[in-house]
Amino acid sequence: MTVRVASAVGSFRTERLTASVPVASRGETSVLTGNPDDDILSMAVIERHGGPGTIGRGFVHNLGLNRGAVGTTVAHDAHNCVVAGVTHEAMARVANELRDVGGGLCVYDPENGDCTTLPLPVAGLLSDGPVAETAGAFEAVDDAAKAIGLSVPGGLMELTYLTLEVIPTYRLTNNGLVDVEKGSFVNVVVE
């Protein structure tokens, strides 16, 4: 299946990309999955503020992950939960961990089965802990992200801007994929 992909190129910018991704069968349902061999990962933006619970689903390129998933609730401007990963199961693990800790940054590495997390319990954006402890936790999350392959310029902070629908070109929101230059939502699947 051919899909539109937000290609993260650094400096919080994305470029347009189309790519082929596999269609997996899950019982009676067909699901689009990423293609990690081509650095095309599944991505989701999950509304987390007590609204309608919408989830935007799409794809991102150039994060470099070769296993696991990364996620954050620091996601400009709406600060919903954004996750990207090699498998949907890894993404769910990160999203559930972020829900359980009240928001923050998280990396799941399936090699050791662990989540490395920086909880940000103040609105999912701020720590209420000591600065040195928070800095140490951020470094641990950053190191874990690099260990699973995150290599995009900007690292984890690049993830926080993949939802900011005022910076060209494609951005994923909880309502779907936005073509910023056209000022409208576009279908992820290329017709």
C-alpha atoms as a PDB file:
ATOM      1  CA  MET A   1       0.000   0.000   0.000  1.00  0.00           C
ATOM      2  CA  THR A   2       1.332   3.470  -0.851  1.00  0.00           C
ATOM      3  CA  VAL A   3       1.146   6.007   1.969  1.00  0.00           C
ATOM      4  CA  ARG A   4       2.085   9.605   2.692  1.00  0.00           C
ATOM      5  CA  VAL A   5       4.949   9.853   5.167  1.00  0.00           C
ATOM      6  CA  ALA A   6       6.345  12.719   7.225  1.00  0.00           C
ATOM      7  CA  SER A   7      10.104  12.528   6.679  1.00  0.00           C
ATOM      8  CA  ALA A   8      11.888  14.113   9.656  1.00  0.00           C
ATOM      9  CA  VAL A   9      14.897  15.967   8.282  1.00  0.00           C
ATOM     10  CA  GLY A  10      16.072  17.817  11.403  1.00  0.00           C
ATOM     11  CA  SER A  11      15.622  21.359  12.696  1.00  0.00           C
ATOM     12  CA  PHE A  12      11.993  20.364  13.364  1.00  0.00           C
ATOM     13  CA  ARG A  13      11.267  20.219   9.620  1.00  0.00           C
ATOM     14  CA  THR A  14       9.611  17.484   7.609  1.00  0.00           C
ATOM     15  CA  GLU A  15       9.591  16.739   3.915  1.00  0.00           C
ATOM     16  CA  ARG A  16       6.925  14.978   1.867  1.00  0.00           C
ATOM     17  CA  LEU A  17       7.535  11.345   1.110  1.00  0.00           C
ATOM     18  CA  THR A  18       5.459   8.503  -0.251  1.00  0.00           C
ATOM     19  CA  ALA A  19       6.388   4.916   0.499  1.00  0.00           C
ATOM     20  CA  SER A  20       5.077   1.405   0.252  1.00  0.00           C
ATOM     21  CA  VAL A  21       4.191  -0.294   3.514  1.00  0.00           C
ATOM     22  CA  PRO A  22       3.010  -3.818   4.205  1.00  0.00           C
ATOM     23  CA  VAL A  23      -0.576  -4.746   5.018  1.00  0.00           C
ATOM     24  CA  ALA A  24      -0.784  -7.254   7.868  1.00  0.00           C
ATOM     25  CA  SER A  25      -3.767  -9.413   8.710  1.00  0.00           C
ATOM     26  CA  ARG A  26      -4.968  -9.349  12.296  1.00  0.00           C
ATOM     27  CA  GLY A  27      -7.851 -11.754  12.371  1.00  0.00           C
ATOM     28  CA  GLU A  28     -10.510 -10.353  10.088  1.00  0.00           C
ATOM     29  CA  THR A  29      -8.865  -6.914  10.044  1.00  0.00           C
ATOM     30  CA  SER A  30      -6.140  -5.620   7.753  1.00  0.00           C
ATOM     31  CA  VAL A  31      -3.637  -3.217   9.298  1.00  0.00           C
ATOM     32  CA  LEU A  32      -0.981  -1.046   7.678  1.00  0.00           C
ATOM     33  CA  THR A  33       2.402  -1.494   9.349  1.00  0.00           C
ATOM     34  CA  GLY A  34       5.696   0.291   9.077  1.00  0.00           C
ATOM     35  CA  ASN A  35       8.616  -0.857   6.985  1.00  0.00           C
ATOM     36  CA  PRO A  36      11.635  -0.582   9.319  1.00  0.00           C
ATOM     37  CA  ASP A  37      14.023  -1.831   6.619  1.00  0.00           C
ATOM     38  CA  ASP A  38      13.294   1.432   4.767  1.00  0.00           C
ATOM     39  CA  ASP A  39      13.138   3.462   8.019  1.00  0.00           C
ATOM     40  CA  ILE A  40       9.369   3.919   7.685  1.00  0.00           C
ATOM     41  CA  LEU A  41       7.820   3.635  11.152  1.00  0.00           C
ATOM     42  CA  SER A  42       4.254   3.655  12.341  1.00  0.00           C
ATOM     43  CA  MET A  43       3.292   6.737  14.317  1.00  0.00           C
ATOM     44  CA  ALA A  44       0.243   7.638  16.382  1.00  0.00           C
ATOM     45  CA  VAL A  45      -1.001  10.770  18.128  1.00  0.00           C
ATOM     46  CA  ILE A  46      -3.406   9.992  20.968  1.00  0.00           C
ATOM     47  CA  GLU A  47      -5.673  12.684  22.406  1.00  0.00           C
ATOM     48  CA  ARG A  48      -5.136  12.728  26.175  1.00  0.00           C
ATOM     49  CA  HIS A  49      -7.052  15.689  27.590  1.00  0.00           C
ATOM     50  CA  GLY A  50     -10.459  14.160  28.281  1.00  0.00           C
ATOM     51  CA  GLY A  51     -11.843  14.956  24.855  1.00  0.00           C
ATOM     52  CA  PRO A  52     -13.183  12.534  22.303  1.00  0.00           C
ATOM     53  CA  GLY A  53     -10.199  10.165  22.548  1.00  0.00           C
ATOM     54  CA  THR A  54      -9.281  10.489  18.886  1.00  0.00           C
ATOM     55  CA  ILE A  55      -6.153   8.838  17.520  1.00  0.00           C
ATOM     56  CA  GLY A  56      -4.326  10.018  14.411  1.00  0.00           C
ATOM     57  CA  ARG A  57      -2.387   7.279  12.668  1.00  0.00           C
ATOM     58  CA  GLY A  58       0.363   7.709  10.111  1.00  0.00           C
ATOM     59  CA  PHE A  59       3.980   7.093   9.254  1.00  0.00           C
ATOM     60  CA  VAL A  60       7.307   8.790   9.877  1.00  0.00           C
ATOM     61  CA  HIS A  61      10.653   8.416   8.130  1.00  0.00           C
ATOM     62  CA  ASN A  62      14.218   9.058   9.211  1.00  0.00           C
ATOM     63  CA  LEU A  63      14.014   8.400  12.955  1.00  0.00           C
ATOM     64  CA  GLY A  64      16.421   5.488  12.576  1.00  0.00           C
ATOM     65  CA  LEU A  65      14.832   3.084  15.069  1.00  0.00           C
ATOM     66  CA  ASN A  66      15.735  -0.534  14.480  1.00  0.00           C
ATOM     67  CA  ARG A  67      13.685  -1.929  17.382  1.00  0.00           C
ATOM     68  CA  GLY A  68      11.196  -0.794  20.015  1.00  0.00           C
ATOM     69  CA  ALA A  69       9.402   2.523  20.254  1.00  0.00           C
ATOM     70  CA  VAL A  70       9.695   6.072  21.570  1.00  0.00           C
ATOM     71  CA  GLY A  71       7.025   8.425  22.845  1.00  0.00           C
ATOM     72  CA  THR A  72       6.333  11.686  24.587  1.00  0.00           C
ATOM     73  CA  THR A  73       3.533  13.873  25.874  1.00  0.00           C
ATOM     74  CA  VAL A  74       5.627  16.963  25.189  1.00  0.00           C
ATOM     75  CA  ALA A  75       4.189  17.374  21.705  1.00  0.00           C
ATOM     76  CA  HIS A  76       3.581  20.906  20.511  1.00  0.00           C
ATOM     77  CA  ASP A  77       1.032  22.514  20.438  1.00  0.00           C
ATOM     78  CA  ALA A  78      -1.678  20.254  21.871  1.00  0.00           C
ATOM     79  CA  HIS A  79       0.678  18.077  23.960  1.00  0.00           C
ATOM     80  CA  ASN A  80      -1.120  14.870  23.171  1.00  0.00           C
ATOM     81  CA  CYS A  81       0.713  11.554  23.388  1.00  0.00           C
ATOM     82  CA  VAL A  82       2.875  10.879  20.312  1.00  0.00           C
ATOM     83  CA  VAL A  83       4.488   7.487  19.775  1.00  0.00           C
ATOM     84  CA  ALA A  84       6.537   6.037  16.927  1.00  0.00           C
ATOM     85  CA  GLY A  85       7.884   2.554  16.693  1.00  0.00           C
ATOM     86  CA  VAL A  86       8.916  -0.528  14.824  1.00  0.00           C
ATOM     87  CA  THR A  87       5.820  -2.484  15.918  1.00  0.00           C
ATOM     88  CA  HIS A  88       2.357  -1.551  17.095  1.00  0.00           C
ATOM     89  CA  GLU A  89       2.926  -3.666  20.211  1.00  0.00           C
ATOM     90  CA  ALA A  90       6.024  -1.649  21.135  1.00  0.00           C
ATOM     91  CA  MET A  91       4.097   1.583  20.548  1.00  0.00           C
ATOM     92  CA  ALA A  92       1.270   0.379  22.812  1.00  0.00           C
ATOM     93  CA  ARG A  93       3.797  -0.436  25.528  1.00  0.00           C
ATOM     94  CA  VAL A  94       5.139   3.140  25.401  1.00  0.00           C
ATOM     95  CA  ALA A  95       1.677   4.754  25.285  1.00  0.00           C
ATOM     96  CA  ASN A  96       0.478   2.685  28.253  1.00  0.00           C
ATOM     97  CA  GLU A  97       3.608   3.520  30.244  1.00  0.00           C
ATOM     98  CA  LEU A  98       3.111   7.242  29.579  1.00  0.00           C
ATOM     99  CA  ARG A  99      -0.534   6.958  30.661  1.00  0.00           C
ATOM    100  CA  ASP A 100       0.474   5.146  33.849  1.00  0.00           C
ATOM    101  CA  VAL A 101       3.068   7.758  34.883  1.00  0.00           C
ATOM    102  CA  GLY A 102       0.930  10.775  33.976  1.00  0.00           C
ATOM    103  CA  GLY A 103       2.980  11.770  30.931  1.00  0.00           C
ATOM    104  CA  GLY A 104       6.615  12.301  30.070  1.00  0.00           C
ATOM    105  CA  LEU A 105       9.158  10.691  27.745  1.00  0.00           C
ATOM    106  CA  CYS A 106       9.540   6.959  27.269  1.00  0.00           C
ATOM    107  CA  VAL A 107      11.616   4.461  25.315  1.00  0.00           C
ATOM    108  CA  TYR A 108      10.792   0.766  25.091  1.00  0.00           C
ATOM    109  CA  ASP A 109      13.566  -1.665  24.194  1.00  0.00           C
ATOM    110  CA  PRO A 110      12.261  -5.165  23.431  1.00  0.00           C
ATOM    111  CA  GLU A 111      15.764  -6.624  23.817  1.00  0.00           C
ATOM    112  CA  ASN A 112      15.582  -6.177  27.578  1.00  0.00           C
ATOM    113  CA  GLY A 113      11.807  -5.751  27.863  1.00  0.00           C
ATOM    114  CA  ASP A 114      12.206  -2.489  29.767  1.00  0.00           C
ATOM    115  CA  CYS A 115      10.780   0.986  29.478  1.00  0.00           C
ATOM    116  CA  THR A 116      13.150   3.817  30.293  1.00  0.00           C
ATOM    117  CA  THR A 117      10.954   6.707  31.375  1.00  0.00           C
ATOM    118  CA  LEU A 118      11.175  10.314  32.464  1.00  0.00           C
ATOM    119  CA  PRO A 119       7.866  10.958  34.239  1.00  0.00           C
ATOM    120  CA  LEU A 120       6.552  14.507  33.825  1.00  0.00           C
ATOM    121  CA  PRO A 121       3.631  14.485  36.251  1.00  0.00           C
ATOM    122  CA  VAL A 122       2.783  18.191  35.965  1.00  0.00           C
ATOM    123  CA  ALA A 123       0.430  18.160  32.960  1.00  0.00           C
ATOM    124  CA  GLY A 124       2.699  15.632  31.238  1.00  0.00           C
ATOM    125  CA  LEU A 125       5.081  18.522  30.553  1.00  0.00           C
ATOM    126  CA  LEU A 126       7.033  19.288  33.713  1.00  0.00           C
ATOM    127  CA  SER A 127       8.844  17.405  36.426  1.00  0.00           C
ATOM    128  CA  ASP A 128       8.203  18.114  40.076  1.00  0.00           C
ATOM    129  CA  GLY A 129      11.495  16.472  41.070  1.00  0.00           C
ATOM    130  CA  PRO A 130      14.940  17.899  41.747  1.00  0.00           C
ATOM    131  CA  VAL A 131      16.776  19.282  38.730  1.00  0.00           C
ATOM    132  CA  ALA A 132      19.704  16.849  38.981  1.00  0.00           C
ATOM    133  CA  GLU A 133      17.348  13.861  39.214  1.00  0.00           C
ATOM    134  CA  THR A 134      15.291  15.079  36.242  1.00  0.00           C
ATOM    135  CA  ALA A 135      18.423  15.724  34.174  1.00  0.00           C
ATOM    136  CA  GLY A 136      19.710  12.243  34.973  1.00  0.00           C
ATOM    137  CA  ALA A 137      16.399  10.675  33.972  1.00  0.00           C
ATOM    138  CA  PHE A 138      16.405  12.638  30.698  1.00  0.00           C
ATOM    139  CA  GLU A 139      19.934  11.437  29.918  1.00  0.00           C
ATOM    140  CA  ALA A 140      18.870   7.839  30.625  1.00  0.00           C
ATOM    141  CA  VAL A 141      15.912   8.166  28.231  1.00  0.00           C
ATOM    142  CA  ASP A 142      18.100   9.816  25.598  1.00  0.00           C
ATOM    143  CA  ASP A 143      20.714   7.037  25.920  1.00  0.00           C
ATOM    144  CA  ALA A 144      17.983   4.364  25.665  1.00  0.00           C
ATOM    145  CA  ALA A 145      16.619   6.032  22.524  1.00  0.00           C
ATOM    146  CA  LYS A 146      20.058   6.037  20.933  1.00  0.00           C
ATOM    147  CA  ALA A 147      20.508   2.363  21.896  1.00  0.00           C
ATOM    148  CA  ILE A 148      17.423   1.393  19.855  1.00  0.00           C
ATOM    149  CA  GLY A 149      18.663   3.441  16.919  1.00  0.00           C
ATOM    150  CA  LEU A 150      17.144   6.930  17.252  1.00  0.00           C
ATOM    151  CA  SER A 151      19.442   8.969  15.041  1.00  0.00           C
ATOM    152  CA  VAL A 152      17.397  11.851  13.636  1.00  0.00           C
ATOM    153  CA  PRO A 153      19.069  15.245  14.183  1.00  0.00           C
ATOM    154  CA  GLY A 154      17.446  16.688  17.286  1.00  0.00           C
ATOM    155  CA  GLY A 155      16.956  13.280  18.897  1.00  0.00           C
ATOM    156  CA  LEU A 156      13.975  12.962  21.198  1.00  0.00           C
ATOM    157  CA  MET A 157      13.158  16.646  20.856  1.00  0.00           C
ATOM    158  CA  GLU A 158      12.502  16.100  17.140  1.00  0.00           C
ATOM    159  CA  LEU A 159       9.621  13.837  18.152  1.00  0.00           C
ATOM    160  CA  THR A 160       7.968  16.689  20.051  1.00  0.00           C
ATOM    161  CA  TYR A 161       7.531  18.698  16.851  1.00  0.00           C
ATOM    162  CA  LEU A 162       6.135  16.013  14.546  1.00  0.00           C
ATOM    163  CA  THR A 163       2.659  17.114  15.643  1.00  0.00           C
ATOM    164  CA  LEU A 164       3.079  20.896  15.325  1.00  0.00           C
ATOM    165  CA  GLU A 165       0.737  21.661  12.453  1.00  0.00           C
ATOM    166  CA  VAL A 166       2.117  25.114  11.676  1.00  0.00           C
ATOM    167  CA  ILE A 167       5.533  23.962  10.399  1.00  0.00           C
ATOM    168  CA  PRO A 168       5.625  22.502   6.849  1.00  0.00           C
ATOM    169  CA  THR A 169       5.146  20.005   5.420  1.00  0.00           C
ATOM    170  CA  TYR A 170       3.289  17.010   6.898  1.00  0.00           C
ATOM    171  CA  ARG A 171       2.306  16.840  10.570  1.00  0.00           C
ATOM    172  CA  LEU A 172       0.284  14.192  12.370  1.00  0.00           C
ATOM    173  CA  THR A 173      -2.371  15.262  14.860  1.00  0.00           C
ATOM    174  CA  ASN A 174      -4.926  13.296  16.834  1.00  0.00           C
ATOM    175  CA  ASN A 175      -7.370  14.187  14.038  1.00  0.00           C
ATOM    176  CA  GLY A 176      -5.178  12.914  11.195  1.00  0.00           C
ATOM    177  CA  LEU A 177      -2.416  13.899   8.798  1.00  0.00           C
ATOM    178  CA  VAL A 178      -2.155  17.610   7.996  1.00  0.00           C
ATOM    179  CA  ASP A 179      -0.648  19.017   4.815  1.00  0.00           C
ATOM    180  CA  VAL A 180       0.421  22.311   6.365  1.00  0.00           C
ATOM    181  CA  GLU A 181       1.038  24.122   3.090  1.00  0.00           C
ATOM    182  CA  LYS A 182      -2.450  23.220   1.805  1.00  0.00           C
ATOM    183  CA  GLY A 183      -3.995  23.967   5.188  1.00  0.00           C
ATOM    184  CA  SER A 184      -6.026  20.754   5.204  1.00  0.00           C
ATOM    185  CA  PHE A 185      -6.141  17.175   6.327  1.00  0.00           C
ATOM    186  CA  VAL A 186      -5.032  14.576   3.764  1.00  0.00           C
ATOM    187  CA  ASN A 187      -5.556  10.864   3.647  1.00  0.00           C
ATOM    188  CA  VAL A 188      -2.543   8.849   4.757  1.00  0.00           C
ATOM    189  CA  VAL A 189      -3.251   6.317   2.030  1.00  0.00           C
ATOM    190  CA  VAL A 190      -2.466   7.575  -1.464  1.00  0.00           C
ATOM    191  CA  GLU A 191      -5.506   6.926  -3.635  1.00  0.00           C
END
